[in-house]
Amino acid sequence: MSLELPGFENFVVIVGWDHFAALITDQLINADRQVLALTDDAKIVERIHGTYERRWVIALEMDVLNFEEVRKLPMERAFGVYVNLASDRERLIYIFKLRKYFADLSIISPVVNPQLKESFSIHQQIFPLSRDEISAKIFASHLFERDVATYLNELLSPAVNEEDHDIQQYRVLPKNPLCNRMYGDAFIALKKHFNAILIGLSKHSPQGYQLRKNPPDETLIQEGDYLIVLVNGKTAQKLEKALGVSEGA
């Protein structure tokens, strides 16, 4: 019997729970993203439900290594999975097994040993991230470019109110008015009409997506590309309506 999870759409599945998972959940809720937390500890389930509203976060007690149970979850409605198990070895084995059951699911996993990044990247929909590398870069920036680091911290967090700034990405659909226009023209149009700043483009190719940071003006924006845009909370709402798509990959 499968679990329906009524009201949950495009949610993020977090496999394994700790303080870092809680911090990620806080950010996801700020971005209006629901979370399904999987853990084998009943006390953690109780604590999660005592912390978050059920309309945003649901925790399930289960053996996360029992994939027959995991298969009962509505993964086809999930936005992606964050594998938060204890070690690189556990996470790597889990990702291999998870991929057998869910071929197209986006998977994100922290990697402690950067030499293992290539091993994690067995599929273009798997994204290994080094928490230490990311933290070190931001921390170092605080040491000599404090204002830059402060701005970066704000940009990395979802906009909570209309004045907060955020970096978002929007998939280019055929009805997008910027589809088949040059990057330079799109930059001017977004700044003029929405006070949004186009800072990059993710181009679709047979090898996957390639991020182009501030590409040349003559770069053609095509269907399936992603626009990387700096916006505030108020602008984001207007931009989603104009582009005909919600933010996110």
C-alpha atoms as a PDB file:
ATOM      1  CA  MET A   1       0.000   0.000   0.000  1.00  0.00           C
ATOM      2  CA  SER A   2       1.452   3.351  -1.032  1.00  0.00           C
ATOM      3  CA  LEU A   3       1.479   6.541   1.024  1.00  0.00           C
ATOM      4  CA  GLU A   4      -0.467   9.326  -0.680  1.00  0.00           C
ATOM      5  CA  LEU A   5       0.711  12.404   1.295  1.00  0.00           C
ATOM      6  CA  PRO A   6      -2.238  14.599   0.217  1.00  0.00           C
ATOM      7  CA  GLY A   7      -1.359  18.246  -0.299  1.00  0.00           C
ATOM      8  CA  PHE A   8       2.338  17.560  -0.860  1.00  0.00           C
ATOM      9  CA  GLU A   9       3.636  18.529  -4.306  1.00  0.00           C
ATOM     10  CA  ASN A  10       7.197  19.223  -5.482  1.00  0.00           C
ATOM     11  CA  PHE A  11       8.445  18.484  -1.995  1.00  0.00           C
ATOM     12  CA  VAL A  12      12.020  17.702  -0.936  1.00  0.00           C
ATOM     13  CA  VAL A  13      12.769  14.340   0.670  1.00  0.00           C
ATOM     14  CA  ILE A  14      15.462  14.406   3.380  1.00  0.00           C
ATOM     15  CA  VAL A  15      16.895  10.985   4.205  1.00  0.00           C
ATOM     16  CA  GLY A  16      18.395  11.100   7.710  1.00  0.00           C
ATOM     17  CA  TRP A  17      18.017  13.899  10.247  1.00  0.00           C
ATOM     18  CA  ASP A  18      20.454  16.054  12.203  1.00  0.00           C
ATOM     19  CA  HIS A  19      21.012  19.734  13.034  1.00  0.00           C
ATOM     20  CA  PHE A  20      22.193  20.472   9.493  1.00  0.00           C
ATOM     21  CA  ALA A  21      19.052  18.882   8.026  1.00  0.00           C
ATOM     22  CA  ALA A  22      16.985  21.130  10.291  1.00  0.00           C
ATOM     23  CA  LEU A  23      18.817  24.218   8.998  1.00  0.00           C
ATOM     24  CA  ILE A  24      18.168  23.128   5.413  1.00  0.00           C
ATOM     25  CA  THR A  25      14.503  22.559   6.219  1.00  0.00           C
ATOM     26  CA  ASP A  26      14.202  26.090   7.610  1.00  0.00           C
ATOM     27  CA  GLN A  27      15.549  27.483   4.333  1.00  0.00           C
ATOM     28  CA  LEU A  28      13.269  25.269   2.230  1.00  0.00           C
ATOM     29  CA  ILE A  29      10.198  26.427   4.154  1.00  0.00           C
ATOM     30  CA  ASN A  30      11.249  30.047   3.592  1.00  0.00           C
ATOM     31  CA  ALA A  31      11.300  29.189  -0.116  1.00  0.00           C
ATOM     32  CA  ASP A  32       7.742  27.751   0.144  1.00  0.00           C
ATOM     33  CA  ARG A  33       9.019  24.217  -0.352  1.00  0.00           C
ATOM     34  CA  GLN A  34       7.511  21.292   1.593  1.00  0.00           C
ATOM     35  CA  VAL A  35       9.726  18.654   3.213  1.00  0.00           C
ATOM     36  CA  LEU A  36       9.324  14.932   3.827  1.00  0.00           C
ATOM     37  CA  ALA A  37      11.824  13.744   6.452  1.00  0.00           C
ATOM     38  CA  LEU A  38      12.700  10.042   6.694  1.00  0.00           C
ATOM     39  CA  THR A  39      14.337   8.714   9.854  1.00  0.00           C
ATOM     40  CA  ASP A  40      14.433   5.464  11.832  1.00  0.00           C
ATOM     41  CA  ASP A  41      14.181   7.260  15.190  1.00  0.00           C
ATOM     42  CA  ALA A  42      10.678   7.724  16.649  1.00  0.00           C
ATOM     43  CA  LYS A  43      11.890  10.441  19.024  1.00  0.00           C
ATOM     44  CA  ILE A  44      13.238  12.491  16.113  1.00  0.00           C
ATOM     45  CA  VAL A  45       9.888  12.146  14.309  1.00  0.00           C
ATOM     46  CA  GLU A  46       8.133  13.448  17.418  1.00  0.00           C
ATOM     47  CA  ARG A  47      10.576  16.361  17.701  1.00  0.00           C
ATOM     48  CA  ILE A  48      10.152  17.324  14.047  1.00  0.00           C
ATOM     49  CA  HIS A  49       6.366  17.345  14.328  1.00  0.00           C
ATOM     50  CA  GLY A  50       6.642  19.442  17.472  1.00  0.00           C
ATOM     51  CA  THR A  51       8.785  21.998  15.617  1.00  0.00           C
ATOM     52  CA  TYR A  52       7.127  22.365  12.210  1.00  0.00           C
ATOM     53  CA  GLU A  53       3.580  22.630  10.930  1.00  0.00           C
ATOM     54  CA  ARG A  54       2.369  19.469   9.203  1.00  0.00           C
ATOM     55  CA  ARG A  55       1.429  21.414   6.084  1.00  0.00           C
ATOM     56  CA  TRP A  56       5.142  22.141   5.603  1.00  0.00           C
ATOM     57  CA  VAL A  57       6.984  19.182   7.101  1.00  0.00           C
ATOM     58  CA  ILE A  58       5.973  15.560   7.535  1.00  0.00           C
ATOM     59  CA  ALA A  59       8.337  13.109   9.249  1.00  0.00           C
ATOM     60  CA  LEU A  60       8.043   9.354   8.794  1.00  0.00           C
ATOM     61  CA  GLU A  61       9.643   6.685  10.940  1.00  0.00           C
ATOM     62  CA  MET A  62      10.978   3.994   8.625  1.00  0.00           C
ATOM     63  CA  ASP A  63      14.007   1.914   7.791  1.00  0.00           C
ATOM     64  CA  VAL A  64      15.455   4.122   5.060  1.00  0.00           C
ATOM     65  CA  LEU A  65      17.517   1.171   3.802  1.00  0.00           C
ATOM     66  CA  ASN A  66      14.358  -0.788   3.074  1.00  0.00           C
ATOM     67  CA  PHE A  67      13.730   0.331  -0.485  1.00  0.00           C
ATOM     68  CA  GLU A  68      10.517  -1.652  -0.732  1.00  0.00           C
ATOM     69  CA  GLU A  69       9.151   0.779   1.858  1.00  0.00           C
ATOM     70  CA  VAL A  70      10.731   3.808   0.181  1.00  0.00           C
ATOM     71  CA  ARG A  71       9.084   2.797  -3.102  1.00  0.00           C
ATOM     72  CA  LYS A  72       5.677   3.272  -1.468  1.00  0.00           C
ATOM     73  CA  LEU A  73       6.336   7.009  -1.210  1.00  0.00           C
ATOM     74  CA  PRO A  74       5.022   9.277  -4.009  1.00  0.00           C
ATOM     75  CA  MET A  75       8.531  10.021  -5.286  1.00  0.00           C
ATOM     76  CA  GLU A  76       7.143  10.941  -8.693  1.00  0.00           C
ATOM     77  CA  ARG A  77       5.802  14.106  -7.049  1.00  0.00           C
ATOM     78  CA  ALA A  78       9.076  14.926  -5.277  1.00  0.00           C
ATOM     79  CA  PHE A  79      11.267  17.829  -6.362  1.00  0.00           C
ATOM     80  CA  GLY A  80      14.381  15.956  -5.272  1.00  0.00           C
ATOM     81  CA  VAL A  81      16.113  13.986  -2.508  1.00  0.00           C
ATOM     82  CA  TYR A  82      18.766  15.131  -0.049  1.00  0.00           C
ATOM     83  CA  VAL A  83      20.747  12.115   1.195  1.00  0.00           C
ATOM     84  CA  ASN A  84      21.894  13.026   4.706  1.00  0.00           C
ATOM     85  CA  LEU A  85      23.351   9.765   6.006  1.00  0.00           C
ATOM     86  CA  ALA A  86      26.368   9.653   8.320  1.00  0.00           C
ATOM     87  CA  SER A  87      29.348   8.892   6.056  1.00  0.00           C
ATOM     88  CA  ASP A  88      30.425   9.262   2.435  1.00  0.00           C
ATOM     89  CA  ARG A  89      30.405   5.476   2.085  1.00  0.00           C
ATOM     90  CA  GLU A  90      26.833   5.171   3.374  1.00  0.00           C
ATOM     91  CA  ARG A  91      25.657   8.014   1.164  1.00  0.00           C
ATOM     92  CA  LEU A  92      27.369   6.632  -1.942  1.00  0.00           C
ATOM     93  CA  ILE A  93      25.909   3.138  -1.493  1.00  0.00           C
ATOM     94  CA  TYR A  94      22.476   4.601  -0.797  1.00  0.00           C
ATOM     95  CA  ILE A  95      22.557   6.744  -3.946  1.00  0.00           C
ATOM     96  CA  PHE A  96      23.479   3.741  -6.130  1.00  0.00           C
ATOM     97  CA  LYS A  97      20.550   1.756  -4.720  1.00  0.00           C
ATOM     98  CA  LEU A  98      18.128   4.682  -4.869  1.00  0.00           C
ATOM     99  CA  ARG A  99      18.959   5.287  -8.524  1.00  0.00           C
ATOM    100  CA  LYS A 100      17.929   1.723  -9.403  1.00  0.00           C
ATOM    101  CA  TYR A 101      14.374   2.467  -8.284  1.00  0.00           C
ATOM    102  CA  PHE A 102      14.107   6.137  -9.304  1.00  0.00           C
ATOM    103  CA  ALA A 103      15.995   6.700 -12.542  1.00  0.00           C
ATOM    104  CA  ASP A 104      15.241  10.396 -13.060  1.00  0.00           C
ATOM    105  CA  LEU A 105      15.040  11.734  -9.514  1.00  0.00           C
ATOM    106  CA  SER A 106      17.343  14.640  -8.662  1.00  0.00           C
ATOM    107  CA  ILE A 107      19.638  13.696  -5.779  1.00  0.00           C
ATOM    108  CA  ILE A 108      21.843  15.993  -3.694  1.00  0.00           C
ATOM    109  CA  SER A 109      24.398  14.680  -1.246  1.00  0.00           C
ATOM    110  CA  PRO A 110      27.114  16.247   0.934  1.00  0.00           C
ATOM    111  CA  VAL A 111      30.622  14.919   0.330  1.00  0.00           C
ATOM    112  CA  VAL A 112      33.252  15.110   3.072  1.00  0.00           C
ATOM    113  CA  ASN A 113      36.127  13.749   0.980  1.00  0.00           C
ATOM    114  CA  PRO A 114      36.390  15.937  -2.155  1.00  0.00           C
ATOM    115  CA  GLN A 115      38.264  13.136  -3.953  1.00  0.00           C
ATOM    116  CA  LEU A 116      35.007  11.180  -3.993  1.00  0.00           C
ATOM    117  CA  LYS A 117      33.038  13.834  -5.880  1.00  0.00           C
ATOM    118  CA  GLU A 118      33.546  12.041  -9.183  1.00  0.00           C
ATOM    119  CA  SER A 119      32.327   8.767  -7.674  1.00  0.00           C
ATOM    120  CA  PHE A 120      29.130  10.469  -6.547  1.00  0.00           C
ATOM    121  CA  SER A 121      28.512  12.005  -9.970  1.00  0.00           C
ATOM    122  CA  ILE A 122      27.394   8.785 -11.639  1.00  0.00           C
ATOM    123  CA  HIS A 123      24.428  10.512 -13.263  1.00  0.00           C
ATOM    124  CA  GLN A 124      23.799  14.088 -14.371  1.00  0.00           C
ATOM    125  CA  GLN A 125      20.895  14.302 -11.906  1.00  0.00           C
ATOM    126  CA  ILE A 126      23.170  13.664  -8.904  1.00  0.00           C
ATOM    127  CA  PHE A 127      24.788  16.730  -7.320  1.00  0.00           C
ATOM    128  CA  PRO A 128      27.564  16.144  -4.748  1.00  0.00           C
ATOM    129  CA  LEU A 129      28.380  19.187  -2.592  1.00  0.00           C
ATOM    130  CA  SER A 130      31.204  19.746  -0.130  1.00  0.00           C
ATOM    131  CA  ARG A 131      29.866  21.509   2.965  1.00  0.00           C
ATOM    132  CA  ASP A 132      33.407  22.264   4.129  1.00  0.00           C
ATOM    133  CA  GLU A 133      34.411  23.893   0.824  1.00  0.00           C
ATOM    134  CA  ILE A 134      31.294  26.081   0.721  1.00  0.00           C
ATOM    135  CA  SER A 135      31.620  27.104   4.370  1.00  0.00           C
ATOM    136  CA  ALA A 136      35.329  27.845   3.989  1.00  0.00           C
ATOM    137  CA  LYS A 137      34.769  30.155   1.013  1.00  0.00           C
ATOM    138  CA  ILE A 138      32.103  32.175   2.824  1.00  0.00           C
ATOM    139  CA  PHE A 139      34.138  32.297   6.034  1.00  0.00           C
ATOM    140  CA  ALA A 140      37.267  33.469   4.186  1.00  0.00           C
ATOM    141  CA  SER A 141      35.231  36.161   2.451  1.00  0.00           C
ATOM    142  CA  HIS A 142      34.145  37.501   5.850  1.00  0.00           C
ATOM    143  CA  LEU A 143      37.816  37.953   6.769  1.00  0.00           C
ATOM    144  CA  PHE A 144      38.664  40.413   4.003  1.00  0.00           C
ATOM    145  CA  GLU A 145      35.425  41.344   2.175  1.00  0.00           C
ATOM    146  CA  ARG A 146      32.879  41.606   4.951  1.00  0.00           C
ATOM    147  CA  ASP A 147      30.211  43.489   2.983  1.00  0.00           C
ATOM    148  CA  VAL A 148      30.533  41.072   0.073  1.00  0.00           C
ATOM    149  CA  ALA A 149      30.146  38.120   2.434  1.00  0.00           C
ATOM    150  CA  THR A 150      27.117  39.701   4.114  1.00  0.00           C
ATOM    151  CA  TYR A 151      25.509  40.266   0.726  1.00  0.00           C
ATOM    152  CA  LEU A 152      26.353  36.706  -0.329  1.00  0.00           C
ATOM    153  CA  ASN A 153      24.728  35.265   2.784  1.00  0.00           C
ATOM    154  CA  GLU A 154      21.547  37.166   1.988  1.00  0.00           C
ATOM    155  CA  LEU A 155      21.550  36.016  -1.632  1.00  0.00           C
ATOM    156  CA  LEU A 156      21.974  32.383  -0.600  1.00  0.00           C
ATOM    157  CA  SER A 157      18.871  32.578   1.608  1.00  0.00           C
ATOM    158  CA  PRO A 158      15.323  32.629   0.195  1.00  0.00           C
ATOM    159  CA  ALA A 159      13.624  36.030   0.227  1.00  0.00           C
ATOM    160  CA  VAL A 160      11.235  36.198   3.197  1.00  0.00           C
ATOM    161  CA  ASN A 161       9.793  39.674   2.592  1.00  0.00           C
ATOM    162  CA  GLU A 162       9.483  41.968  -0.411  1.00  0.00           C
ATOM    163  CA  GLU A 163      12.768  43.777   0.242  1.00  0.00           C
ATOM    164  CA  ASP A 164      14.953  40.669   0.684  1.00  0.00           C
ATOM    165  CA  HIS A 165      17.108  39.749  -2.297  1.00  0.00           C
ATOM    166  CA  ASP A 166      17.578  36.290  -3.701  1.00  0.00           C
ATOM    167  CA  ILE A 167      19.164  34.533  -6.675  1.00  0.00           C
ATOM    168  CA  GLN A 168      16.640  32.437  -8.555  1.00  0.00           C
ATOM    169  CA  GLN A 169      16.570  30.430 -11.752  1.00  0.00           C
ATOM    170  CA  TYR A 170      13.714  30.162 -14.242  1.00  0.00           C
ATOM    171  CA  ARG A 171      13.364  27.562 -16.960  1.00  0.00           C
ATOM    172  CA  VAL A 172      12.771  29.099 -20.385  1.00  0.00           C
ATOM    173  CA  LEU A 173       9.474  27.845 -21.792  1.00  0.00           C
ATOM    174  CA  PRO A 174       8.279  28.502 -25.380  1.00  0.00           C
ATOM    175  CA  LYS A 175       5.839  31.161 -24.106  1.00  0.00           C
ATOM    176  CA  ASN A 176       8.620  33.015 -22.280  1.00  0.00           C
ATOM    177  CA  PRO A 177       8.918  36.466 -23.931  1.00  0.00           C
ATOM    178  CA  LEU A 178      12.726  36.191 -23.655  1.00  0.00           C
ATOM    179  CA  CYS A 179      12.892  32.906 -25.560  1.00  0.00           C
ATOM    180  CA  ASN A 180      14.985  33.245 -28.760  1.00  0.00           C
ATOM    181  CA  ARG A 181      16.257  36.678 -27.713  1.00  0.00           C
ATOM    182  CA  MET A 182      19.855  37.711 -27.141  1.00  0.00           C
ATOM    183  CA  TYR A 183      21.241  37.734 -23.619  1.00  0.00           C
ATOM    184  CA  GLY A 184      22.091  41.438 -23.768  1.00  0.00           C
ATOM    185  CA  ASP A 185      18.552  42.362 -24.808  1.00  0.00           C
ATOM    186  CA  ALA A 186      17.111  40.170 -22.045  1.00  0.00           C
ATOM    187  CA  PHE A 187      19.403  41.816 -19.490  1.00  0.00           C
ATOM    188  CA  ILE A 188      18.118  45.279 -20.395  1.00  0.00           C
ATOM    189  CA  ALA A 189      14.456  44.161 -20.510  1.00  0.00           C
ATOM    190  CA  LEU A 190      14.590  42.522 -17.067  1.00  0.00           C
ATOM    191  CA  LYS A 191      16.305  45.506 -15.477  1.00  0.00           C
ATOM    192  CA  LYS A 192      14.006  48.059 -17.112  1.00  0.00           C
ATOM    193  CA  HIS A 193      10.654  46.351 -16.528  1.00  0.00           C
ATOM    194  CA  PHE A 194      11.259  44.373 -13.313  1.00  0.00           C
ATOM    195  CA  ASN A 195      14.385  45.850 -11.705  1.00  0.00           C
ATOM    196  CA  ALA A 196      15.760  42.288 -11.890  1.00  0.00           C
ATOM    197  CA  ILE A 197      19.370  41.619 -12.856  1.00  0.00           C
ATOM    198  CA  LEU A 198      20.220  38.757 -15.196  1.00  0.00           C
ATOM    199  CA  ILE A 199      23.562  37.362 -13.980  1.00  0.00           C
ATOM    200  CA  GLY A 200      23.898  34.102 -15.880  1.00  0.00           C
ATOM    201  CA  LEU A 201      22.470  31.450 -18.127  1.00  0.00           C
ATOM    202  CA  SER A 202      22.421  27.668 -17.862  1.00  0.00           C
ATOM    203  CA  LYS A 203      22.530  26.296 -21.411  1.00  0.00           C
ATOM    204  CA  HIS A 204      21.076  22.920 -22.262  1.00  0.00           C
ATOM    205  CA  SER A 205      23.337  20.546 -24.208  1.00  0.00           C
ATOM    206  CA  PRO A 206      23.566  16.788 -24.914  1.00  0.00           C
ATOM    207  CA  GLN A 207      26.082  16.587 -22.036  1.00  0.00           C
ATOM    208  CA  GLY A 208      23.687  18.249 -19.607  1.00  0.00           C
ATOM    209  CA  TYR A 209      23.470  21.847 -18.453  1.00  0.00           C
ATOM    210  CA  GLN A 210      26.442  24.204 -18.626  1.00  0.00           C
ATOM    211  CA  LEU A 211      26.440  27.304 -16.432  1.00  0.00           C
ATOM    212  CA  ARG A 212      27.593  30.488 -18.191  1.00  0.00           C
ATOM    213  CA  LYS A 213      28.245  33.344 -15.794  1.00  0.00           C
ATOM    214  CA  ASN A 214      27.526  36.718 -17.417  1.00  0.00           C
ATOM    215  CA  PRO A 215      27.898  35.422 -21.005  1.00  0.00           C
ATOM    216  CA  PRO A 216      28.388  37.667 -24.075  1.00  0.00           C
ATOM    217  CA  ASP A 217      25.456  39.862 -25.129  1.00  0.00           C
ATOM    218  CA  GLU A 218      24.991  37.902 -28.366  1.00  0.00           C
ATOM    219  CA  THR A 219      24.346  34.592 -26.566  1.00  0.00           C
ATOM    220  CA  LEU A 220      20.981  33.227 -27.707  1.00  0.00           C
ATOM    221  CA  ILE A 221      18.446  32.284 -25.031  1.00  0.00           C
ATOM    222  CA  GLN A 222      16.659  29.111 -26.111  1.00  0.00           C
ATOM    223  CA  GLU A 223      13.846  26.896 -24.900  1.00  0.00           C
ATOM    224  CA  GLY A 224      15.010  24.664 -22.042  1.00  0.00           C
ATOM    225  CA  ASP A 225      17.726  27.058 -20.848  1.00  0.00           C
ATOM    226  CA  TYR A 226      17.638  28.530 -17.352  1.00  0.00           C
ATOM    227  CA  LEU A 227      17.827  32.242 -16.591  1.00  0.00           C
ATOM    228  CA  ILE A 228      19.813  33.030 -13.420  1.00  0.00           C
ATOM    229  CA  VAL A 229      18.359  36.226 -11.988  1.00  0.00           C
ATOM    230  CA  LEU A 230      18.933  38.480  -8.966  1.00  0.00           C
ATOM    231  CA  VAL A 231      15.545  39.583  -7.617  1.00  0.00           C
ATOM    232  CA  ASN A 232      13.810  40.796  -4.478  1.00  0.00           C
ATOM    233  CA  GLY A 233      10.647  39.267  -3.025  1.00  0.00           C
ATOM    234  CA  LYS A 234       8.308  41.688  -4.782  1.00  0.00           C
ATOM    235  CA  THR A 235      10.037  41.348  -8.142  1.00  0.00           C
ATOM    236  CA  ALA A 236      10.026  37.542  -7.962  1.00  0.00           C
ATOM    237  CA  GLN A 237       6.225  37.404  -7.888  1.00  0.00           C
ATOM    238  CA  LYS A 238       5.893  39.663 -10.931  1.00  0.00           C
ATOM    239  CA  LEU A 239       8.643  37.824 -12.811  1.00  0.00           C
ATOM    240  CA  GLU A 240       7.064  34.404 -12.311  1.00  0.00           C
ATOM    241  CA  LYS A 241       3.824  35.724 -13.820  1.00  0.00           C
ATOM    242  CA  ALA A 242       5.594  37.347 -16.781  1.00  0.00           C
ATOM    243  CA  LEU A 243       7.793  34.335 -17.557  1.00  0.00           C
ATOM    244  CA  GLY A 244       4.989  31.843 -17.067  1.00  0.00           C
ATOM    245  CA  VAL A 245       6.967  29.563 -14.741  1.00  0.00           C
ATOM    246  CA  SER A 246       7.840  29.267 -11.070  1.00  0.00           C
ATOM    247  CA  GLU A 247      11.443  29.516  -9.931  1.00  0.00           C
ATOM    248  CA  GLY A 248      13.488  26.364  -9.486  1.00  0.00           C
ATOM    249  CA  ALA A 249      15.218  23.655 -11.465  1.00  0.00           C
END
